[in-house]
Amino acid sequence: MDFENEIKIIKERNQRVEADKAWEISWTRKITVALLTYVVIVIFLIIAKFPKPFLNAVVPTVGFVLSTLSMSLVKRAWLKYHV
């Protein structure tokens, strides 16, 4: 391969990596994950005949969202001591 083609391939890969990074930290992703988590839990609670499924689904959803939001802090600390 010639250098121009290799550079083009590297630039395209870098664009994909940057887009993936942007998606991982986007609010669109975070809100989508929260909404899908809530819907799945509500469906489960309705099927299992739990009382107040729409209200009771809030607690595990908030817990899940908080755990995913805190992962960036954990990752930063881990990288600080392992890299």
C-alpha atoms as a PDB file:
ATOM      1  CA  MET A   1       0.000   0.000   0.000  1.00  0.00           C
ATOM      2  CA  ASP A   2       1.092   3.533  -0.571  1.00  0.00           C
ATOM      3  CA  PHE A   3       1.397   6.025   2.267  1.00  0.00           C
ATOM      4  CA  GLU A   4      -1.538   8.166   1.161  1.00  0.00           C
ATOM      5  CA  ASN A   5      -3.866   5.179   1.294  1.00  0.00           C
ATOM      6  CA  GLU A   6      -2.544   4.135   4.708  1.00  0.00           C
ATOM      7  CA  ILE A   7      -3.042   7.661   6.045  1.00  0.00           C
ATOM      8  CA  LYS A   8      -6.587   7.696   4.676  1.00  0.00           C
ATOM      9  CA  ILE A   9      -7.339   4.388   6.422  1.00  0.00           C
ATOM     10  CA  ILE A  10      -5.895   5.662   9.713  1.00  0.00           C
ATOM     11  CA  LYS A  11      -7.919   8.895   9.499  1.00  0.00           C
ATOM     12  CA  GLU A  12     -11.129   6.944   8.849  1.00  0.00           C
ATOM     13  CA  ARG A  13     -10.416   4.691  11.821  1.00  0.00           C
ATOM     14  CA  ASN A  14      -9.734   7.700  14.024  1.00  0.00           C
ATOM     15  CA  GLN A  15     -13.075   9.220  13.009  1.00  0.00           C
ATOM     16  CA  ARG A  16     -14.868   6.000  14.002  1.00  0.00           C
ATOM     17  CA  VAL A  17     -13.032   5.876  17.339  1.00  0.00           C
ATOM     18  CA  GLU A  18     -13.858   9.529  18.071  1.00  0.00           C
ATOM     19  CA  ALA A  19     -17.525   8.945  17.193  1.00  0.00           C
ATOM     20  CA  ASP A  20     -17.630   5.918  19.508  1.00  0.00           C
ATOM     21  CA  LYS A  21     -16.114   7.972  22.335  1.00  0.00           C
ATOM     22  CA  ALA A  22     -18.614  10.781  21.760  1.00  0.00           C
ATOM     23  CA  TRP A  23     -21.498   8.282  21.850  1.00  0.00           C
ATOM     24  CA  GLU A  24     -20.253   6.694  25.087  1.00  0.00           C
ATOM     25  CA  ILE A  25     -20.359  10.016  26.954  1.00  0.00           C
ATOM     26  CA  SER A  26     -23.424  11.501  25.251  1.00  0.00           C
ATOM     27  CA  TRP A  27     -26.571  12.392  27.163  1.00  0.00           C
ATOM     28  CA  THR A  28     -28.602  10.791  24.380  1.00  0.00           C
ATOM     29  CA  ARG A  29     -27.068   7.422  25.246  1.00  0.00           C
ATOM     30  CA  LYS A  30     -27.498   7.927  28.986  1.00  0.00           C
ATOM     31  CA  ILE A  31     -31.153   8.944  28.684  1.00  0.00           C
ATOM     32  CA  THR A  32     -31.885   6.096  26.269  1.00  0.00           C
ATOM     33  CA  VAL A  33     -30.332   3.561  28.636  1.00  0.00           C
ATOM     34  CA  ALA A  34     -32.341   4.976  31.548  1.00  0.00           C
ATOM     35  CA  LEU A  35     -35.623   4.902  29.617  1.00  0.00           C
ATOM     36  CA  LEU A  36     -35.091   1.378  28.314  1.00  0.00           C
ATOM     37  CA  THR A  37     -34.127   0.182  31.790  1.00  0.00           C
ATOM     38  CA  TYR A  38     -37.264   1.748  33.252  1.00  0.00           C
ATOM     39  CA  VAL A  39     -39.515   0.200  30.589  1.00  0.00           C
ATOM     40  CA  VAL A  40     -38.045  -3.276  31.053  1.00  0.00           C
ATOM     41  CA  ILE A  41     -38.430  -3.074  34.837  1.00  0.00           C
ATOM     42  CA  VAL A  42     -42.027  -1.798  34.542  1.00  0.00           C
ATOM     43  CA  ILE A  43     -42.900  -4.680  32.224  1.00  0.00           C
ATOM     44  CA  PHE A  44     -41.354  -7.158  34.644  1.00  0.00           C
ATOM     45  CA  LEU A  45     -43.182  -5.655  37.626  1.00  0.00           C
ATOM     46  CA  ILE A  46     -46.506  -5.718  35.765  1.00  0.00           C
ATOM     47  CA  ILE A  47     -46.033  -9.360  34.733  1.00  0.00           C
ATOM     48  CA  ALA A  48     -44.971 -10.292  38.272  1.00  0.00           C
ATOM     49  CA  LYS A  49     -48.046  -8.415  39.596  1.00  0.00           C
ATOM     50  CA  PHE A  50     -46.115  -6.111  41.905  1.00  0.00           C
ATOM     51  CA  PRO A  51     -48.033  -3.149  43.321  1.00  0.00           C
ATOM     52  CA  LYS A  52     -47.361   0.288  41.786  1.00  0.00           C
ATOM     53  CA  PRO A  53     -45.014  -0.945  39.040  1.00  0.00           C
ATOM     54  CA  PHE A  54     -44.518   2.532  37.522  1.00  0.00           C
ATOM     55  CA  LEU A  55     -43.385   3.974  40.845  1.00  0.00           C
ATOM     56  CA  ASN A  56     -41.411   0.930  41.987  1.00  0.00           C
ATOM     57  CA  ALA A  57     -39.452   0.839  38.724  1.00  0.00           C
ATOM     58  CA  VAL A  58     -37.893   4.204  39.545  1.00  0.00           C
ATOM     59  CA  VAL A  59     -35.602   2.890  42.310  1.00  0.00           C
ATOM     60  CA  PRO A  60     -33.705   0.242  40.307  1.00  0.00           C
ATOM     61  CA  THR A  61     -33.550   2.574  37.305  1.00  0.00           C
ATOM     62  CA  VAL A  62     -31.964   5.359  39.349  1.00  0.00           C
ATOM     63  CA  GLY A  63     -29.551   2.860  40.894  1.00  0.00           C
ATOM     64  CA  PHE A  64     -28.533   1.586  37.486  1.00  0.00           C
ATOM     65  CA  VAL A  65     -28.079   5.075  36.063  1.00  0.00           C
ATOM     66  CA  LEU A  66     -25.995   6.183  39.056  1.00  0.00           C
ATOM     67  CA  SER A  67     -23.809   3.105  38.739  1.00  0.00           C
ATOM     68  CA  THR A  68     -23.182   3.759  35.043  1.00  0.00           C
ATOM     69  CA  LEU A  69     -22.462   7.449  35.627  1.00  0.00           C
ATOM     70  CA  SER A  70     -19.939   6.620  38.349  1.00  0.00           C
ATOM     71  CA  MET A  71     -18.025   4.276  36.053  1.00  0.00           C
ATOM     72  CA  SER A  72     -16.064   7.148  34.522  1.00  0.00           C
ATOM     73  CA  LEU A  73     -14.789   8.069  37.998  1.00  0.00           C
ATOM     74  CA  VAL A  74     -13.834   4.473  38.719  1.00  0.00           C
ATOM     75  CA  LYS A  75     -12.151   4.172  35.316  1.00  0.00           C
ATOM     76  CA  ARG A  76     -10.116   7.322  35.908  1.00  0.00           C
ATOM     77  CA  ALA A  77      -8.936   6.078  39.299  1.00  0.00           C
ATOM     78  CA  TRP A  78      -8.111   2.652  37.889  1.00  0.00           C
ATOM     79  CA  LEU A  79      -6.105   4.135  34.999  1.00  0.00           C
ATOM     80  CA  LYS A  80      -4.224   6.389  37.397  1.00  0.00           C
ATOM     81  CA  TYR A  81      -2.873   3.408  39.334  1.00  0.00           C
ATOM     82  CA  HIS A  82      -2.573   0.804  36.580  1.00  0.00           C
ATOM     83  CA  VAL A  83      -1.148   2.691  33.611  1.00  0.00           C
END
